[in-house]
Amino acid sequence: MAIEIRGQCPLLQVFDMSKSIKFYCDLLGFNIVMTSRPGPQFDWALLRREGAELMLNTAYESDKRPATRDPRWVAAHEDTSIYFGCPNVEGAFQHFNSSWHPR
């Protein structure tokens, strides 16, 4: 059974959500589709522009955010995940359980 995948959506960790929103929305033309909470202060957002989607998440809780960025945090790009759209999640789960055997 082949798994149907409909697009992908990267999750990017950002240091400053408001600056990131200005960059992706004001400069690149993305629109905010959904956020973790109403209002201007949120820690996660789903953005969309035409067929492209991306998610932004704050790299630090607001009370733990350092004054400046730590370059080690993004040095190896361990802060990025990619999610795939899959309309049949249960079927994909069954497929992986029955056919994927890591070595």
Protein backbone atom coordinates (compact mmCIF):
# COMPACT_ATOMS: atom_id res chain seq x y z
CA MET A 1 0.00 0.00 0.00
CA ALA A 2 1.40 3.38 -0.96
CA ILE A 3 0.98 6.25 1.44
CA GLU A 4 -0.57 9.37 0.00
CA ILE A 5 1.35 12.48 0.99
CA ARG A 6 -0.07 15.92 0.31
CA GLY A 7 2.68 18.45 0.78
CA GLN A 8 5.02 19.13 3.62
CA CYS A 9 5.20 21.76 6.33
CA PRO A 10 8.48 22.69 8.02
CA LEU A 11 8.45 23.71 11.69
CA LEU A 12 11.01 26.47 12.26
CA GLN A 13 12.19 27.47 15.72
CA VAL A 14 12.44 31.27 15.92
CA PHE A 15 14.13 33.52 18.44
CA ASP A 16 11.70 36.44 18.12
CA MET A 17 8.16 35.62 16.99
CA SER A 18 7.09 39.19 16.23
CA LYS A 19 10.14 39.85 14.02
CA SER A 20 9.69 36.49 12.33
CA ILE A 21 6.02 37.22 11.60
CA LYS A 22 7.00 40.58 10.09
CA PHE A 23 9.58 38.86 7.88
CA TYR A 24 7.39 36.00 6.65
CA CYS A 25 4.14 37.98 6.38
CA ASP A 26 5.18 41.53 5.51
CA LEU A 27 8.19 40.72 3.34
CA LEU A 28 7.39 37.30 1.87
CA GLY A 29 3.59 37.60 1.74
CA PHE A 30 2.56 34.71 4.00
CA ASN A 31 -0.73 34.95 5.92
CA ILE A 32 -1.34 33.77 9.48
CA VAL A 33 -3.75 30.83 9.37
CA MET A 34 -3.67 29.77 13.03
CA THR A 35 -1.83 30.62 16.25
CA SER A 36 -1.41 28.98 19.63
CA ARG A 37 -3.57 31.66 21.27
CA PRO A 38 -5.52 34.76 20.26
CA GLY A 39 -3.91 38.16 20.29
CA PRO A 40 -0.49 39.48 19.34
CA GLN A 41 1.50 37.36 21.83
CA PHE A 42 1.72 33.72 20.74
CA ASP A 43 4.39 31.03 20.65
CA TRP A 44 3.32 29.04 17.57
CA ALA A 45 1.85 29.99 14.20
CA LEU A 46 0.83 28.26 10.98
CA LEU A 47 1.49 30.46 7.94
CA ARG A 48 0.35 29.97 4.37
CA ARG A 49 1.09 31.57 1.03
CA GLU A 50 -0.59 30.04 -1.99
CA GLY A 51 0.29 26.32 -1.69
CA ALA A 52 3.20 26.77 0.73
CA GLU A 53 2.82 26.31 4.48
CA LEU A 54 5.23 26.67 7.34
CA MET A 55 4.99 26.66 11.10
CA LEU A 56 6.91 28.93 13.44
CA ASN A 57 7.53 28.09 17.08
CA THR A 58 9.43 30.12 19.65
CA ALA A 59 12.75 28.53 20.57
CA TYR A 60 12.41 29.56 24.22
CA GLU A 61 9.60 30.01 26.70
CA SER A 62 9.07 33.75 27.22
CA ASP A 63 10.45 33.68 30.77
CA LYS A 64 13.57 31.73 29.68
CA ARG A 65 14.48 33.65 26.52
CA PRO A 66 18.06 34.99 26.68
CA ALA A 67 18.86 38.59 25.76
CA THR A 68 20.70 37.49 22.60
CA ARG A 69 20.64 34.50 20.28
CA ASP A 70 22.88 31.56 21.07
CA PRO A 71 24.58 30.61 17.76
CA ARG A 72 25.09 27.05 18.99
CA TRP A 73 21.29 26.60 19.01
CA VAL A 74 21.03 26.65 15.21
CA ALA A 75 24.58 25.61 14.25
CA ALA A 76 23.57 22.12 13.14
CA HIS A 77 19.97 23.01 12.19
CA GLU A 78 18.67 20.63 14.84
CA ASP A 79 15.85 23.13 15.33
CA THR A 80 13.92 22.19 12.17
CA SER A 81 11.34 19.46 11.58
CA ILE A 82 9.33 18.67 8.46
CA TYR A 83 5.76 17.40 8.67
CA PHE A 84 4.02 15.66 5.79
CA GLY A 85 0.31 16.03 5.07
CA CYS A 86 -1.30 12.60 5.00
CA PRO A 87 -5.09 12.27 4.59
CA ASN A 88 -5.17 8.66 5.87
CA VAL A 89 -3.15 8.72 9.10
CA GLU A 90 -4.48 5.35 10.31
CA GLY A 91 -3.55 3.69 7.01
CA ALA A 92 -0.07 5.24 7.14
CA PHE A 93 0.37 4.02 10.72
CA GLN A 94 -0.61 0.48 9.75
CA HIS A 95 1.69 0.61 6.71
CA PHE A 96 4.69 1.66 8.81
CA ASN A 97 3.98 -0.94 11.50
CA SER A 98 3.74 -3.74 8.96
CA SER A 99 6.55 -2.85 6.57
CA TRP A 100 9.23 -0.67 8.20
CA HIS A 101 11.91 -2.49 10.12
CA PRO A 102 14.84 -0.26 11.15
CA ARG A 103 18.21 -1.91 11.33
